[in-house]
Amino acid sequence: MRFSWWMTDMLHDFGSDKPVFDKKMEISELSFFIKSDTGKKVIAEQYVGLPYEDLT
């Protein structure tokens, strides 16, 4: 649920009057996930779910 909220917040502008610093941080964060292989891997792992540990 947290990932879903975070990704929705990162990808959509809900028209709030955020301070300039916050907007720049959002752009920087989105840029990391779009342009870097590491960022793409993180998104992919979180989106499909990480493997579960064998608890037996």
PDB file of N, CA and C in Angstrom:
ATOM      1  N   MET A   1       0.821  -1.171   0.000  1.00  0.00           N
ATOM      2  CA  MET A   1       0.000   0.000   0.000  1.00  0.00           C
ATOM      3  C   MET A   1       0.879   1.253   0.000  1.00  0.00           C
ATOM      4  N   ARG A   2       1.954   1.219   0.785  1.00  0.00           N
ATOM      5  CA  ARG A   2       2.834   2.381   0.838  1.00  0.00           C
ATOM      6  C   ARG A   2       3.467   2.654  -0.514  1.00  0.00           C
ATOM      7  N   PHE A   3       3.922   1.597  -1.193  1.00  0.00           N
ATOM      8  CA  PHE A   3       4.526   1.776  -2.512  1.00  0.00           C
ATOM      9  C   PHE A   3       3.523   2.390  -3.483  1.00  0.00           C
ATOM     10  N   SER A   4       2.312   1.906  -3.456  1.00  0.00           N
ATOM     11  CA  SER A   4       1.273   2.417  -4.353  1.00  0.00           C
ATOM     12  C   SER A   4       1.028   3.906  -4.112  1.00  0.00           C
ATOM     13  N   TRP A   5       0.949   4.298  -2.848  1.00  0.00           N
ATOM     14  CA  TRP A   5       0.752   5.709  -2.508  1.00  0.00           C
ATOM     15  C   TRP A   5       1.938   6.534  -2.996  1.00  0.00           C
ATOM     16  N   TRP A   6       3.152   6.044  -2.721  1.00  0.00           N
ATOM     17  CA  TRP A   6       4.372   6.769  -3.088  1.00  0.00           C
ATOM     18  C   TRP A   6       4.460   6.953  -4.598  1.00  0.00           C
ATOM     19  N   MET A   7       4.215   5.885  -5.366  1.00  0.00           N
ATOM     20  CA  MET A   7       4.320   5.972  -6.817  1.00  0.00           C
ATOM     21  C   MET A   7       3.248   6.902  -7.391  1.00  0.00           C
ATOM     22  N   THR A   8       2.036   6.829  -6.881  1.00  0.00           N
ATOM     23  CA  THR A   8       0.973   7.726  -7.327  1.00  0.00           C
ATOM     24  C   THR A   8       1.350   9.175  -7.048  1.00  0.00           C
ATOM     25  N   ASP A   9       1.870   9.429  -5.864  1.00  0.00           N
ATOM     26  CA  ASP A   9       2.268  10.786  -5.493  1.00  0.00           C
ATOM     27  C   ASP A   9       3.419  11.282  -6.370  1.00  0.00           C
ATOM     28  N   MET A  10       4.346  10.382  -6.723  1.00  0.00           N
ATOM     29  CA  MET A  10       5.492  10.772  -7.535  1.00  0.00           C
ATOM     30  C   MET A  10       5.091  11.059  -8.987  1.00  0.00           C
ATOM     31  N   LEU A  11       4.118  10.333  -9.511  1.00  0.00           N
ATOM     32  CA  LEU A  11       3.772  10.437 -10.925  1.00  0.00           C
ATOM     33  C   LEU A  11       2.668  11.445 -11.232  1.00  0.00           C
ATOM     34  N   HIS A  12       1.966  11.940 -10.221  1.00  0.00           N
ATOM     35  CA  HIS A  12       0.840  12.830 -10.467  1.00  0.00           C
ATOM     36  C   HIS A  12       0.998  14.146  -9.711  1.00  0.00           C
ATOM     37  N   ASP A  13       0.558  15.206 -10.353  1.00  0.00           N
ATOM     38  CA  ASP A  13       0.520  16.521  -9.716  1.00  0.00           C
ATOM     39  C   ASP A  13      -0.929  16.775  -9.311  1.00  0.00           C
ATOM     40  N   PHE A  14      -1.163  16.843  -8.026  1.00  0.00           N
ATOM     41  CA  PHE A  14      -2.522  17.014  -7.533  1.00  0.00           C
ATOM     42  C   PHE A  14      -2.888  18.484  -7.337  1.00  0.00           C
ATOM     43  N   GLY A  15      -2.071  19.359  -7.886  1.00  0.00           N
ATOM     44  CA  GLY A  15      -2.385  20.772  -7.857  1.00  0.00           C
ATOM     45  C   GLY A  15      -2.117  21.460  -6.527  1.00  0.00           C
ATOM     46  N   SER A  16      -1.394  20.804  -5.647  1.00  0.00           N
ATOM     47  CA  SER A  16      -1.108  21.441  -4.359  1.00  0.00           C
ATOM     48  C   SER A  16      -0.004  22.474  -4.536  1.00  0.00           C
ATOM     49  N   ASP A  17      -0.022  23.456  -3.684  1.00  0.00           N
ATOM     50  CA  ASP A  17       0.990  24.514  -3.731  1.00  0.00           C
ATOM     51  C   ASP A  17       2.184  24.125  -2.871  1.00  0.00           C
ATOM     52  N   LYS A  18       2.980  23.206  -3.380  1.00  0.00           N
ATOM     53  CA  LYS A  18       4.158  22.766  -2.648  1.00  0.00           C
ATOM     54  C   LYS A  18       5.265  23.803  -2.797  1.00  0.00           C
ATOM     55  N   PRO A  19       6.123  23.898  -1.791  1.00  0.00           N
ATOM     56  CA  PRO A  19       7.276  24.797  -1.917  1.00  0.00           C
ATOM     57  C   PRO A  19       8.167  24.368  -3.094  1.00  0.00           C
ATOM     58  N   VAL A  20       8.909  25.322  -3.645  1.00  0.00           N
ATOM     59  CA  VAL A  20       9.776  25.068  -4.792  1.00  0.00           C
ATOM     60  C   VAL A  20      10.759  23.936  -4.488  1.00  0.00           C
ATOM     61  N   PHE A  21      11.312  23.910  -3.286  1.00  0.00           N
ATOM     62  CA  PHE A  21      12.264  22.859  -2.923  1.00  0.00           C
ATOM     63  C   PHE A  21      11.627  21.476  -3.052  1.00  0.00           C
ATOM     64  N   ASP A  22      10.418  21.328  -2.559  1.00  0.00           N
ATOM     65  CA  ASP A  22       9.728  20.033  -2.628  1.00  0.00           C
ATOM     66  C   ASP A  22       9.481  19.612  -4.074  1.00  0.00           C
ATOM     67  N   LYS A  23       9.106  20.549  -4.927  1.00  0.00           N
ATOM     68  CA  LYS A  23       8.877  20.237  -6.329  1.00  0.00           C
ATOM     69  C   LYS A  23      10.174  19.794  -7.010  1.00  0.00           C
ATOM     70  N   LYS A  24      11.266  20.479  -6.687  1.00  0.00           N
ATOM     71  CA  LYS A  24      12.558  20.107  -7.269  1.00  0.00           C
ATOM     72  C   LYS A  24      13.004  18.727  -6.781  1.00  0.00           C
ATOM     73  N   MET A  25      12.721  18.409  -5.536  1.00  0.00           N
ATOM     74  CA  MET A  25      13.056  17.083  -5.011  1.00  0.00           C
ATOM     75  C   MET A  25      12.247  16.009  -5.733  1.00  0.00           C
ATOM     76  N   GLU A  26      10.978  16.264  -5.999  1.00  0.00           N
ATOM     77  CA  GLU A  26      10.144  15.309  -6.725  1.00  0.00           C
ATOM     78  C   GLU A  26      10.686  15.067  -8.135  1.00  0.00           C
ATOM     79  N   ILE A  27      11.082  16.136  -8.811  1.00  0.00           N
ATOM     80  CA  ILE A  27      11.629  16.014 -10.160  1.00  0.00           C
ATOM     81  C   ILE A  27      12.933  15.221 -10.133  1.00  0.00           C
ATOM     82  N   SER A  28      13.762  15.499  -9.156  1.00  0.00           N
ATOM     83  CA  SER A  28      15.030  14.780  -9.016  1.00  0.00           C
ATOM     84  C   SER A  28      14.801  13.292  -8.755  1.00  0.00           C
ATOM     85  N   GLU A  29      13.862  12.988  -7.888  1.00  0.00           N
ATOM     86  CA  GLU A  29      13.549  11.599  -7.558  1.00  0.00           C
ATOM     87  C   GLU A  29      13.008  10.868  -8.783  1.00  0.00           C
ATOM     88  N   LEU A  30      12.081  11.474  -9.494  1.00  0.00           N
ATOM     89  CA  LEU A  30      11.521  10.860 -10.691  1.00  0.00           C
ATOM     90  C   LEU A  30      12.609  10.646 -11.741  1.00  0.00           C
ATOM     91  N   SER A  31      13.488  11.607 -11.898  1.00  0.00           N
ATOM     92  CA  SER A  31      14.584  11.495 -12.853  1.00  0.00           C
ATOM     93  C   SER A  31      15.468  10.292 -12.534  1.00  0.00           C
ATOM     94  N   PHE A  32      15.754  10.066 -11.255  1.00  0.00           N
ATOM     95  CA  PHE A  32      16.554   8.912 -10.847  1.00  0.00           C
ATOM     96  C   PHE A  32      15.894   7.610 -11.282  1.00  0.00           C
ATOM     97  N   PHE A  33      14.600   7.484 -11.069  1.00  0.00           N
ATOM     98  CA  PHE A  33      13.904   6.238 -11.384  1.00  0.00           C
ATOM     99  C   PHE A  33      13.709   6.040 -12.893  1.00  0.00           C
ATOM    100  N   ILE A  34      13.700   7.100 -13.643  1.00  0.00           N
ATOM    101  CA  ILE A  34      13.519   6.991 -15.091  1.00  0.00           C
ATOM    102  C   ILE A  34      14.847   6.777 -15.820  1.00  0.00           C
ATOM    103  N   LYS A  35      15.894   7.443 -15.352  1.00  0.00           N
ATOM    104  CA  LYS A  35      17.153   7.473 -16.107  1.00  0.00           C
ATOM    105  C   LYS A  35      18.221   6.495 -15.654  1.00  0.00           C
ATOM    106  N   SER A  36      18.124   5.954 -14.459  1.00  0.00           N
ATOM    107  CA  SER A  36      19.188   5.059 -13.998  1.00  0.00           C
ATOM    108  C   SER A  36      18.722   3.608 -13.975  1.00  0.00           C
ATOM    109  N   ASP A  37      19.634   2.706 -14.285  1.00  0.00           N
ATOM    110  CA  ASP A  37      19.316   1.280 -14.246  1.00  0.00           C
ATOM    111  C   ASP A  37      18.956   0.845 -12.834  1.00  0.00           C
ATOM    112  N   THR A  38      19.644   1.399 -11.843  1.00  0.00           N
ATOM    113  CA  THR A  38      19.343   1.064 -10.452  1.00  0.00           C
ATOM    114  C   THR A  38      17.931   1.484 -10.090  1.00  0.00           C
ATOM    115  N   GLY A  39      17.552   2.692 -10.473  1.00  0.00           N
ATOM    116  CA  GLY A  39      16.201   3.182 -10.197  1.00  0.00           C
ATOM    117  C   GLY A  39      15.135   2.335 -10.876  1.00  0.00           C
ATOM    118  N   LYS A  40      15.394   1.954 -12.113  1.00  0.00           N
ATOM    119  CA  LYS A  40      14.442   1.100 -12.834  1.00  0.00           C
ATOM    120  C   LYS A  40      14.290  -0.252 -12.152  1.00  0.00           C
ATOM    121  N   LYS A  41      15.401  -0.785 -11.649  1.00  0.00           N
ATOM    122  CA  LYS A  41      15.356  -2.078 -10.957  1.00  0.00           C
ATOM    123  C   LYS A  41      14.537  -1.974  -9.669  1.00  0.00           C
ATOM    124  N   VAL A  42      14.733  -0.903  -8.925  1.00  0.00           N
ATOM    125  CA  VAL A  42      13.983  -0.703  -7.682  1.00  0.00           C
ATOM    126  C   VAL A  42      12.485  -0.643  -7.969  1.00  0.00           C
ATOM    127  N   ILE A  43      12.101   0.144  -8.971  1.00  0.00           N
ATOM    128  CA  ILE A  43      10.685   0.253  -9.322  1.00  0.00           C
ATOM    129  C   ILE A  43      10.133  -1.114  -9.723  1.00  0.00           C
ATOM    130  N   ALA A  44      10.866  -1.829 -10.563  1.00  0.00           N
ATOM    131  CA  ALA A  44      10.392  -3.137 -11.029  1.00  0.00           C
ATOM    132  C   ALA A  44      10.222  -4.111  -9.868  1.00  0.00           C
ATOM    133  N   GLU A  45      11.190  -4.163  -8.969  1.00  0.00           N
ATOM    134  CA  GLU A  45      11.106  -5.081  -7.828  1.00  0.00           C
ATOM    135  C   GLU A  45       9.945  -4.733  -6.907  1.00  0.00           C
ATOM    136  N   GLN A  46       9.754  -3.457  -6.671  1.00  0.00           N
ATOM    137  CA  GLN A  46       8.670  -3.039  -5.786  1.00  0.00           C
ATOM    138  C   GLN A  46       7.307  -3.225  -6.439  1.00  0.00           C
ATOM    139  N   TYR A  47       7.243  -2.995  -7.746  1.00  0.00           N
ATOM    140  CA  TYR A  47       5.969  -3.090  -8.453  1.00  0.00           C
ATOM    141  C   TYR A  47       5.452  -4.525  -8.503  1.00  0.00           C
ATOM    142  N   VAL A  48       6.343  -5.470  -8.789  1.00  0.00           N
ATOM    143  CA  VAL A  48       5.911  -6.869  -8.896  1.00  0.00           C
ATOM    144  C   VAL A  48       6.025  -7.609  -7.571  1.00  0.00           C
ATOM    145  N   GLY A  49       6.730  -7.024  -6.626  1.00  0.00           N
ATOM    146  CA  GLY A  49       6.904  -7.654  -5.317  1.00  0.00           C
ATOM    147  C   GLY A  49       8.221  -8.379  -5.214  1.00  0.00           C
ATOM    148  N   LEU A  50       8.824  -8.264  -4.081  1.00  0.00           N
ATOM    149  CA  LEU A  50      10.088  -8.949  -3.829  1.00  0.00           C
ATOM    150  C   LEU A  50       9.817 -10.409  -3.517  1.00  0.00           C
ATOM    151  N   PRO A  51      10.790 -11.271  -3.768  1.00  0.00           N
ATOM    152  CA  PRO A  51      10.595 -12.692  -3.439  1.00  0.00           C
ATOM    153  C   PRO A  51      10.366 -12.878  -1.938  1.00  0.00           C
ATOM    154  N   TYR A  52       9.515 -13.825  -1.618  1.00  0.00           N
ATOM    155  CA  TYR A  52       9.255 -14.125  -0.220  1.00  0.00           C
ATOM    156  C   TYR A  52      10.336 -15.059   0.317  1.00  0.00           C
ATOM    157  N   GLU A  53      10.681 -14.859   1.571  1.00  0.00           N
ATOM    158  CA  GLU A  53      11.627 -15.764   2.226  1.00  0.00           C
ATOM    159  C   GLU A  53      10.925 -17.085   2.506  1.00  0.00           C
ATOM    160  N   ASP A  54      11.687 -18.156   2.435  1.00  0.00           N
ATOM    161  CA  ASP A  54      11.141 -19.467   2.786  1.00  0.00           C
ATOM    162  C   ASP A  54      11.109 -19.557   4.305  1.00  0.00           C
ATOM    163  N   LEU A  55       9.928 -19.563   4.880  1.00  0.00           N
ATOM    164  CA  LEU A  55       9.790 -19.546   6.339  1.00  0.00           C
ATOM    165  C   LEU A  55       9.649 -20.927   6.940  1.00  0.00           C
ATOM    166  N   THR A  56       9.761 -21.971   6.120  1.00  0.00           N
ATOM    167  CA  THR A  56       9.622 -23.327   6.655  1.00  0.00           C
ATOM    168  C   THR A  56      10.925 -23.866   7.163  1.00  0.00           C
TER     169      THR A  56
END
